Amino acid sequence: NGVINGLTYLAGVLGTVGAVLLAWGLSPHYALAAITCVVVS
């Protein structure tokens, strides 16, 4: 559970950073940013 919770919140860190960078770099072309979500999925 420590591993799962730790990695889950680490994913939260990377997801938040990634969203910030994508929003900053690709705004207003959010569809291009959303392609990243397809790849990760």
All heavy atoms as atom14 arrays in JSON, in Angstrom:
{
  "sequence": "NGVINGLTYLAGVLGTVGAVLLAWGLSPHYALAAITCVVVS",
  "atom14_mask": [
    [1, 1, 1, 1, 1, 1, 1, 1, 0, 0, 0, 0, 0, 0],
    [1, 1, 1, 1, 0, 0, 0, 0, 0, 0, 0, 0, 0, 0],
    [1, 1, 1, 1, 1, 1, 1, 0, 0, 0, 0, 0, 0, 0],
    [1, 1, 1, 1, 1, 1, 1, 1, 0, 0, 0, 0, 0, 0],
    [1, 1, 1, 1, 1, 1, 1, 1, 0, 0, 0, 0, 0, 0],
    [1, 1, 1, 1, 0, 0, 0, 0, 0, 0, 0, 0, 0, 0],
    [1, 1, 1, 1, 1, 1, 1, 1, 0, 0, 0, 0, 0, 0],
    [1, 1, 1, 1, 1, 1, 1, 0, 0, 0, 0, 0, 0, 0],
    [1, 1, 1, 1, 1, 1, 1, 1, 1, 1, 1, 1, 0, 0],
    [1, 1, 1, 1, 1, 1, 1, 1, 0, 0, 0, 0, 0, 0],
    [1, 1, 1, 1, 1, 0, 0, 0, 0, 0, 0, 0, 0, 0],
    [1, 1, 1, 1, 0, 0, 0, 0, 0, 0, 0, 0, 0, 0],
    [1, 1, 1, 1, 1, 1, 1, 0, 0, 0, 0, 0, 0, 0],
    [1, 1, 1, 1, 1, 1, 1, 1, 0, 0, 0, 0, 0, 0],
    [1, 1, 1, 1, 0, 0, 0, 0, 0, 0, 0, 0, 0, 0],
    [1, 1, 1, 1, 1, 1, 1, 0, 0, 0, 0, 0, 0, 0],
    [1, 1, 1, 1, 1, 1, 1, 0, 0, 0, 0, 0, 0, 0],
    [1, 1, 1, 1, 0, 0, 0, 0, 0, 0, 0, 0, 0, 0],
    [1, 1, 1, 1, 1, 0, 0, 0, 0, 0, 0, 0, 0, 0],
    [1, 1, 1, 1, 1, 1, 1, 0, 0, 0, 0, 0, 0, 0],
    [1, 1, 1, 1, 1, 1, 1, 1, 0, 0, 0, 0, 0, 0],
    [1, 1, 1, 1, 1, 1, 1, 1, 0, 0, 0, 0, 0, 0],
    [1, 1, 1, 1, 1, 0, 0, 0, 0, 0, 0, 0, 0, 0],
    [1, 1, 1, 1, 1, 1, 1, 1, 1, 1, 1, 1, 1, 1],
    [1, 1, 1, 1, 0, 0, 0, 0, 0, 0, 0, 0, 0, 0],
    [1, 1, 1, 1, 1, 1, 1, 1, 0, 0, 0, 0, 0, 0],
    [1, 1, 1, 1, 1, 1, 0, 0, 0, 0, 0, 0, 0, 0],
    [1, 1, 1, 1, 1, 1, 1, 0, 0, 0, 0, 0, 0, 0],
    [1, 1, 1, 1, 1, 1, 1, 1, 1, 1, 0, 0, 0, 0],
    [1, 1, 1, 1, 1, 1, 1, 1, 1, 1, 1, 1, 0, 0],
    [1, 1, 1, 1, 1, 0, 0, 0, 0, 0, 0, 0, 0, 0],
    [1, 1, 1, 1, 1, 1, 1, 1, 0, 0, 0, 0, 0, 0],
    [1, 1, 1, 1, 1, 0, 0, 0, 0, 0, 0, 0, 0, 0],
    [1, 1, 1, 1, 1, 0, 0, 0, 0, 0, 0, 0, 0, 0],
    [1, 1, 1, 1, 1, 1, 1, 1, 0, 0, 0, 0, 0, 0],
    [1, 1, 1, 1, 1, 1, 1, 0, 0, 0, 0, 0, 0, 0],
    [1, 1, 1, 1, 1, 1, 0, 0, 0, 0, 0, 0, 0, 0],
    [1, 1, 1, 1, 1, 1, 1, 0, 0, 0, 0, 0, 0, 0],
    [1, 1, 1, 1, 1, 1, 1, 0, 0, 0, 0, 0, 0, 0],
    [1, 1, 1, 1, 1, 1, 1, 0, 0, 0, 0, 0, 0, 0],
    [1, 1, 1, 1, 1, 1, 0, 0, 0, 0, 0, 0, 0, 0]
  ],
  "atom14_positions": [
    [[0.82, -1.21, 0.0], [0.0, 0.0, 0.0], [0.85, 1.26, 0.0], [0.49, 2.27, -0.61], [-0.94, -0.01, 1.2], [-2.22, -0.76, 0.93], [-3.17, -0.23, 0.36], [-2.25, -2.04, 1.32], [0.0, 0.0, 0.0], [0.0, 0.0, 0.0], [0.0, 0.0, 0.0], [0.0, 0.0, 0.0], [0.0, 0.0, 0.0], [0.0, 0.0, 0.0]],
    [[2.01, 1.2, 0.69], [2.91, 2.34, 0.65], [3.42, 2.59, -0.75], [3.5, 3.74, -1.21], [0.0, 0.0, 0.0], [0.0, 0.0, 0.0], [0.0, 0.0, 0.0], [0.0, 0.0, 0.0], [0.0, 0.0, 0.0], [0.0, 0.0, 0.0], [0.0, 0.0, 0.0], [0.0, 0.0, 0.0], [0.0, 0.0, 0.0], [0.0, 0.0, 0.0]],
    [[3.76, 1.51, -1.46], [4.22, 1.63, -2.85], [3.12, 2.2, -3.74], [3.35, 3.13, -4.51], [4.7, 0.26, -3.38], [4.95, 0.32, -4.89], [5.97, -0.19, -2.65], [0.0, 0.0, 0.0], [0.0, 0.0, 0.0], [0.0, 0.0, 0.0], [0.0, 0.0, 0.0], [0.0, 0.0, 0.0], [0.0, 0.0, 0.0], [0.0, 0.0, 0.0]],
    [[1.92, 1.63, -3.62], [0.8, 2.07, -4.45], [0.47, 3.54, -4.19], [0.33, 4.35, -5.13], [-0.44, 1.19, -4.21], [-0.23, -0.21, -4.81], [-1.69, 1.83, -4.8], [-0.17, -0.22, -6.32], [0.0, 0.0, 0.0], [0.0, 0.0, 0.0], [0.0, 0.0, 0.0], [0.0, 0.0, 0.0], [0.0, 0.0, 0.0], [0.0, 0.0, 0.0]],
    [[0.32, 3.91, -2.91], [-0.01, 5.3, -2.59], [1.1, 6.25, -2.99], [0.84, 7.34, -3.53], [-0.31, 5.44, -1.09], [-1.7, 5.0, -0.73], [-2.68, 5.65, -1.05], [-1.81, 3.85, -0.07], [0.0, 0.0, 0.0], [0.0, 0.0, 0.0], [0.0, 0.0, 0.0], [0.0, 0.0, 0.0], [0.0, 0.0, 0.0], [0.0, 0.0, 0.0]],
    [[2.36, 5.85, -2.74], [3.47, 6.71, -3.12], [3.53, 6.95, -4.62], [3.67, 8.09, -5.07], [0.0, 0.0, 0.0], [0.0, 0.0, 0.0], [0.0, 0.0, 0.0], [0.0, 0.0, 0.0], [0.0, 0.0, 0.0], [0.0, 0.0, 0.0], [0.0, 0.0, 0.0], [0.0, 0.0, 0.0], [0.0, 0.0, 0.0], [0.0, 0.0, 0.0]],
    [[3.4, 5.88, -5.4], [3.45, 6.03, -6.86], [2.22, 6.75, -7.4], [2.3, 7.48, -8.4], [3.59, 4.66, -7.51], [4.95, 3.98, -7.38], [4.93, 2.6, -8.02], [6.04, 4.84, -8.03], [0.0, 0.0, 0.0], [0.0, 0.0, 0.0], [0.0, 0.0, 0.0], [0.0, 0.0, 0.0], [0.0, 0.0, 0.0], [0.0, 0.0, 0.0]],
    [[1.07, 6.56, -6.74], [-0.13, 7.27, -7.18], [0.05, 8.77, -7.05], [-0.3, 9.54, -7.97], [-1.35, 6.8, -6.36], [-1.58, 5.41, -6.61], [-2.59, 7.6, -6.74], [0.0, 0.0, 0.0], [0.0, 0.0, 0.0], [0.0, 0.0, 0.0], [0.0, 0.0, 0.0], [0.0, 0.0, 0.0], [0.0, 0.0, 0.0], [0.0, 0.0, 0.0]],
    [[0.6, 9.21, -5.93], [0.78, 10.64, -5.74], [1.98, 11.17, -6.52], [2.0, 12.35, -6.91], [0.87, 10.98, -4.25], [-0.49, 10.9, -3.61], [-0.87, 9.79, -2.88], [-1.39, 11.94, -3.77], [-2.14, 9.71, -2.31], [-2.66, 11.87, -3.2], [-3.02, 10.76, -2.48], [-4.27, 10.69, -1.92], [0.0, 0.0, 0.0], [0.0, 0.0, 0.0]],
    [[2.98, 10.32, -6.77], [4.04, 10.71, -7.7], [3.46, 10.93, -9.09], [3.83, 11.88, -9.79], [5.13, 9.64, -7.74], [6.27, 9.88, -8.74], [7.0, 11.17, -8.42], [7.24, 8.7, -8.74], [0.0, 0.0, 0.0], [0.0, 0.0, 0.0], [0.0, 0.0, 0.0], [0.0, 0.0, 0.0], [0.0, 0.0, 0.0], [0.0, 0.0, 0.0]],
    [[2.53, 10.06, -9.48], [1.83, 10.25, -10.75], [1.06, 11.56, -10.76], [0.98, 12.25, -11.78], [0.88, 9.08, -11.02], [0.0, 0.0, 0.0], [0.0, 0.0, 0.0], [0.0, 0.0, 0.0], [0.0, 0.0, 0.0], [0.0, 0.0, 0.0], [0.0, 0.0, 0.0], [0.0, 0.0, 0.0], [0.0, 0.0, 0.0], [0.0, 0.0, 0.0]],
    [[0.5, 11.91, -9.59], [-0.18, 13.2, -9.48], [0.77, 14.36, -9.7], [0.43, 15.35, -10.36], [0.0, 0.0, 0.0], [0.0, 0.0, 0.0], [0.0, 0.0, 0.0], [0.0, 0.0, 0.0], [0.0, 0.0, 0.0], [0.0, 0.0, 0.0], [0.0, 0.0, 0.0], [0.0, 0.0, 0.0], [0.0, 0.0, 0.0], [0.0, 0.0, 0.0]],
    [[2.0, 14.24, -9.16], [3.02, 15.26, -9.38], [3.32, 15.41, -10.86], [3.27, 16.5, -11.43], [4.32, 14.9, -8.61], [5.45, 15.84, -9.01], [4.1, 14.95, -7.12], [0.0, 0.0, 0.0], [0.0, 0.0, 0.0], [0.0, 0.0, 0.0], [0.0, 0.0, 0.0], [0.0, 0.0, 0.0], [0.0, 0.0, 0.0], [0.0, 0.0, 0.0]],
    [[3.64, 14.28, -11.49], [4.0, 14.32, -12.91], [2.83, 14.75, -13.78], [3.01, 15.48, -14.77], [4.52, 12.95, -13.35], [5.79, 12.46, -12.64], [6.17, 11.06, -13.11], [6.94, 13.42, -12.88], [0.0, 0.0, 0.0], [0.0, 0.0, 0.0], [0.0, 0.0, 0.0], [0.0, 0.0, 0.0], [0.0, 0.0, 0.0], [0.0, 0.0, 0.0]],
    [[1.6, 14.31, -13.42], [0.43, 14.71, -14.19], [0.16, 16.19, -14.09], [-0.16, 16.85, -15.1], [0.0, 0.0, 0.0], [0.0, 0.0, 0.0], [0.0, 0.0, 0.0], [0.0, 0.0, 0.0], [0.0, 0.0, 0.0], [0.0, 0.0, 0.0], [0.0, 0.0, 0.0], [0.0, 0.0, 0.0], [0.0, 0.0, 0.0], [0.0, 0.0, 0.0]],
    [[0.32, 16.74, -12.88], [0.1, 18.17, -12.7], [1.16, 18.98, -13.44], [0.86, 19.97, -14.11], [0.1, 18.52, -11.21], [-0.84, 17.7, -10.53], [-0.27, 19.98, -10.99], [0.0, 0.0, 0.0], [0.0, 0.0, 0.0], [0.0, 0.0, 0.0], [0.0, 0.0, 0.0], [0.0, 0.0, 0.0], [0.0, 0.0, 0.0], [0.0, 0.0, 0.0]],
    [[2.43, 18.57, -13.28], [3.51, 19.26, -13.99], [3.3, 19.15, -15.5], [3.43, 20.14, -16.24], [4.88, 18.65, -13.61], [5.98, 19.19, -14.52], [5.22, 18.97, -12.17], [0.0, 0.0, 0.0], [0.0, 0.0, 0.0], [0.0, 0.0, 0.0], [0.0, 0.0, 0.0], [0.0, 0.0, 0.0], [0.0, 0.0, 0.0], [0.0, 0.0, 0.0]],
    [[2.96, 17.94, -15.96], [2.74, 17.74, -17.38], [1.62, 18.62, -17.92], [1.74, 19.2, -19.0], [0.0, 0.0, 0.0], [0.0, 0.0, 0.0], [0.0, 0.0, 0.0], [0.0, 0.0, 0.0], [0.0, 0.0, 0.0], [0.0, 0.0, 0.0], [0.0, 0.0, 0.0], [0.0, 0.0, 0.0], [0.0, 0.0, 0.0], [0.0, 0.0, 0.0]],
    [[0.53, 18.72, -17.15], [-0.59, 19.55, -17.59], [-0.19, 21.02, -17.65], [-0.57, 21.75, -18.58], [-1.78, 19.36, -16.65], [0.0, 0.0, 0.0], [0.0, 0.0, 0.0], [0.0, 0.0, 0.0], [0.0, 0.0, 0.0], [0.0, 0.0, 0.0], [0.0, 0.0, 0.0], [0.0, 0.0, 0.0], [0.0, 0.0, 0.0], [0.0, 0.0, 0.0]],
    [[0.59, 21.47, -16.64], [1.07, 22.86, -16.65], [1.93, 23.13, -17.87], [1.76, 24.13, -18.58], [1.85, 23.16, -15.35], [2.55, 24.5, -15.46], [0.91, 23.16, -14.15], [0.0, 0.0, 0.0], [0.0, 0.0, 0.0], [0.0, 0.0, 0.0], [0.0, 0.0, 0.0], [0.0, 0.0, 0.0], [0.0, 0.0, 0.0], [0.0, 0.0, 0.0]],
    [[2.87, 22.22, -18.14], [3.77, 22.42, -19.27], [3.02, 22.36, -20.6], [3.28, 23.15, -21.51], [4.88, 21.36, -19.24], [5.85, 21.45, -18.06], [6.84, 20.29, -18.11], [6.59, 22.78, -18.06], [0.0, 0.0, 0.0], [0.0, 0.0, 0.0], [0.0, 0.0, 0.0], [0.0, 0.0, 0.0], [0.0, 0.0, 0.0], [0.0, 0.0, 0.0]],
    [[2.08, 21.42, -20.7], [1.32, 21.31, -21.94], [0.41, 22.51, -22.14], [0.29, 23.04, -23.26], [0.48, 20.02, -21.93], [1.27, 18.71, -22.06], [0.36, 17.51, -21.79], [1.88, 18.6, -23.46], [0.0, 0.0, 0.0], [0.0, 0.0, 0.0], [0.0, 0.0, 0.0], [0.0, 0.0, 0.0], [0.0, 0.0, 0.0], [0.0, 0.0, 0.0]],
    [[-0.23, 22.97, -21.05], [-1.1, 24.15, -21.15], [-0.3, 25.39, -21.52], [-0.74, 26.23, -22.3], [-1.85, 24.36, -19.83], [0.0, 0.0, 0.0], [0.0, 0.0, 0.0], [0.0, 0.0, 0.0], [0.0, 0.0, 0.0], [0.0, 0.0, 0.0], [0.0, 0.0, 0.0], [0.0, 0.0, 0.0], [0.0, 0.0, 0.0], [0.0, 0.0, 0.0]],
    [[0.89, 25.5, -20.93], [1.74, 26.66, -21.21], [2.32, 26.61, -22.63], [2.38, 27.62, -23.32], [2.88, 26.71, -20.19], [3.88, 27.8, -20.45], [3.73, 29.14, -20.23], [5.21, 27.63, -20.97], [4.87, 29.81, -20.58], [5.8, 28.91, -21.03], [5.95, 26.51, -21.36], [7.1, 29.11, -21.5], [7.25, 26.71, -21.83], [7.8, 28.0, -21.89]],
    [[2.72, 25.43, -23.08], [3.4, 25.31, -24.35], [2.48, 25.21, -25.56], [2.84, 25.66, -26.65], [0.0, 0.0, 0.0], [0.0, 0.0, 0.0], [0.0, 0.0, 0.0], [0.0, 0.0, 0.0], [0.0, 0.0, 0.0], [0.0, 0.0, 0.0], [0.0, 0.0, 0.0], [0.0, 0.0, 0.0], [0.0, 0.0, 0.0], [0.0, 0.0, 0.0]],
    [[1.28, 24.62, -25.35], [0.41, 24.36, -26.49], [-0.88, 25.18, -26.49], [-1.65, 25.1, -27.44], [0.06, 22.87, -26.55], [1.24, 21.92, -26.79], [0.78, 20.46, -26.73], [1.89, 22.21, -28.15], [0.0, 0.0, 0.0], [0.0, 0.0, 0.0], [0.0, 0.0, 0.0], [0.0, 0.0, 0.0], [0.0, 0.0, 0.0], [0.0, 0.0, 0.0]],
    [[-1.15, 25.93, -25.43], [-2.36, 26.75, -25.39], [-2.36, 27.71, -26.57], [-1.32, 28.33, -26.87], [-2.41, 27.53, -24.07], [-3.53, 28.37, -24.04], [0.0, 0.0, 0.0], [0.0, 0.0, 0.0], [0.0, 0.0, 0.0], [0.0, 0.0, 0.0], [0.0, 0.0, 0.0], [0.0, 0.0, 0.0], [0.0, 0.0, 0.0], [0.0, 0.0, 0.0]],
    [[-3.49, 27.85, -27.27], [-4.84, 27.31, -27.0], [-5.13, 25.98, -27.72], [-6.28, 25.6, -27.82], [-5.75, 28.4, -27.55], [-5.0, 28.91, -28.75], [-3.54, 28.81, -28.4], [0.0, 0.0, 0.0], [0.0, 0.0, 0.0], [0.0, 0.0, 0.0], [0.0, 0.0, 0.0], [0.0, 0.0, 0.0], [0.0, 0.0, 0.0], [0.0, 0.0, 0.0]],
    [[-4.1, 25.27, -28.18], [-4.3, 24.04, -28.94], [-4.34, 22.84, -27.96], [-3.43, 22.01, -27.94], [-3.2, 23.86, -29.98], [-3.06, 25.04, -30.9], [-4.03, 25.39, -31.82], [-2.08, 25.97, -31.03], [-3.65, 26.46, -32.49], [-2.47, 26.83, -32.02], [0.0, 0.0, 0.0], [0.0, 0.0, 0.0], [0.0, 0.0, 0.0], [0.0, 0.0, 0.0]],
    [[-5.41, 22.79, -27.18], [-5.49, 21.76, -26.14], [-5.71, 20.37, -26.72], [-5.42, 19.38, -26.05], [-6.62, 22.11, -25.16], [-6.22, 23.17, -24.16], [-6.37, 24.52, -24.45], [-5.7, 22.81, -22.93], [-5.99, 25.49, -23.55], [-5.32, 23.78, -22.01], [-5.47, 25.12, -22.32], [-5.09, 26.07, -21.41], [0.0, 0.0, 0.0], [0.0, 0.0, 0.0]],
    [[-6.21, 20.27, -27.93], [-6.39, 18.95, -28.54], [-5.04, 18.26, -28.73], [-4.93, 17.04, -28.55], [-7.12, 19.08, -29.88], [0.0, 0.0, 0.0], [0.0, 0.0, 0.0], [0.0, 0.0, 0.0], [0.0, 0.0, 0.0], [0.0, 0.0, 0.0], [0.0, 0.0, 0.0], [0.0, 0.0, 0.0], [0.0, 0.0, 0.0], [0.0, 0.0, 0.0]],
    [[-4.0, 19.03, -29.08], [-2.67, 18.45, -29.2], [-2.17, 17.95, -27.85], [-1.54, 16.9, -27.75], [-1.7, 19.49, -29.79], [-1.96, 19.95, -31.22], [-0.98, 21.04, -31.63], [-1.86, 18.77, -32.18], [0.0, 0.0, 0.0], [0.0, 0.0, 0.0], [0.0, 0.0, 0.0], [0.0, 0.0, 0.0], [0.0, 0.0, 0.0], [0.0, 0.0, 0.0]],
    [[-2.47, 18.71, -26.8], [-2.06, 18.3, -25.46], [-2.78, 17.01, -25.05], [-2.21, 16.14, -24.4], [-2.36, 19.41, -24.46], [0.0, 0.0, 0.0], [0.0, 0.0, 0.0], [0.0, 0.0, 0.0], [0.0, 0.0, 0.0], [0.0, 0.0, 0.0], [0.0, 0.0, 0.0], [0.0, 0.0, 0.0], [0.0, 0.0, 0.0], [0.0, 0.0, 0.0]],
    [[-4.06, 16.89, -25.45], [-4.86, 15.73, -25.06], [-4.37, 14.45, -25.72], [-4.65, 13.35, -25.22], [-6.32, 15.97, -25.39], [0.0, 0.0, 0.0], [0.0, 0.0, 0.0], [0.0, 0.0, 0.0], [0.0, 0.0, 0.0], [0.0, 0.0, 0.0], [0.0, 0.0, 0.0], [0.0, 0.0, 0.0], [0.0, 0.0, 0.0], [0.0, 0.0, 0.0]],
    [[-3.63, 14.56, -26.83], [-3.08, 13.36, -27.47], [-2.15, 12.64, -26.5], [-2.04, 11.4, -26.52], [-2.36, 13.75, -28.77], [-3.38, 14.23, -29.81], [-1.56, 12.57, -29.33], [-2.76, 14.75, -31.09], [0.0, 0.0, 0.0], [0.0, 0.0, 0.0], [0.0, 0.0, 0.0], [0.0, 0.0, 0.0], [0.0, 0.0, 0.0], [0.0, 0.0, 0.0]],
    [[-1.48, 13.4, -25.64], [-0.62, 12.79, -24.63], [-1.42, 11.84, -23.75], [-0.94, 10.76, -23.37], [0.04, 13.87, -23.76], [0.73, 14.8, -24.6], [1.01, 13.26, -22.76], [0.0, 0.0, 0.0], [0.0, 0.0, 0.0], [0.0, 0.0, 0.0], [0.0, 0.0, 0.0], [0.0, 0.0, 0.0], [0.0, 0.0, 0.0], [0.0, 0.0, 0.0]],
    [[-2.65, 12.22, -23.42], [-3.51, 11.37, -22.59], [-3.83, 10.06, -23.3], [-3.9, 9.0, -22.67], [-4.8, 12.11, -22.23], [-4.54, 13.58, -21.21], [0.0, 0.0, 0.0], [0.0, 0.0, 0.0], [0.0, 0.0, 0.0], [0.0, 0.0, 0.0], [0.0, 0.0, 0.0], [0.0, 0.0, 0.0], [0.0, 0.0, 0.0], [0.0, 0.0, 0.0]],
    [[-4.03, 10.12, -24.62], [-4.3, 8.91, -25.4], [-3.1, 7.97, -25.35], [-3.25, 6.76, -25.14], [-4.65, 9.27, -26.86], [-4.83, 8.0, -27.69], [-5.92, 10.13, -26.91], [0.0, 0.0, 0.0], [0.0, 0.0, 0.0], [0.0, 0.0, 0.0], [0.0, 0.0, 0.0], [0.0, 0.0, 0.0], [0.0, 0.0, 0.0], [0.0, 0.0, 0.0]],
    [[-1.9, 8.53, -25.49], [-0.69, 7.71, -25.46], [-0.5, 7.06, -24.1], [-0.21, 5.85, -23.99], [0.54, 8.57, -25.82], [1.83, 7.77, -25.64], [0.43, 9.1, -27.25], [0.0, 0.0, 0.0], [0.0, 0.0, 0.0], [0.0, 0.0, 0.0], [0.0, 0.0, 0.0], [0.0, 0.0, 0.0], [0.0, 0.0, 0.0], [0.0, 0.0, 0.0]],
    [[-0.67, 7.83, -23.03], [-0.5, 7.29, -21.68], [-1.54, 6.2, -21.41], [-1.24, 5.16, -20.81], [-0.6, 8.41, -20.63], [-0.6, 7.84, -19.22], [0.55, 9.4, -20.79], [0.0, 0.0, 0.0], [0.0, 0.0, 0.0], [0.0, 0.0, 0.0], [0.0, 0.0, 0.0], [0.0, 0.0, 0.0], [0.0, 0.0, 0.0], [0.0, 0.0, 0.0]],
    [[-2.78, 6.43, -21.87], [-3.84, 5.44, -21.68], [-3.5, 4.13, -22.39], [-3.71, 3.04, -21.85], [-5.17, 5.99, -22.18], [-6.2, 5.06, -21.99], [0.0, 0.0, 0.0], [0.0, 0.0, 0.0], [0.0, 0.0, 0.0], [0.0, 0.0, 0.0], [0.0, 0.0, 0.0], [0.0, 0.0, 0.0], [0.0, 0.0, 0.0], [0.0, 0.0, 0.0]]
  ]
}
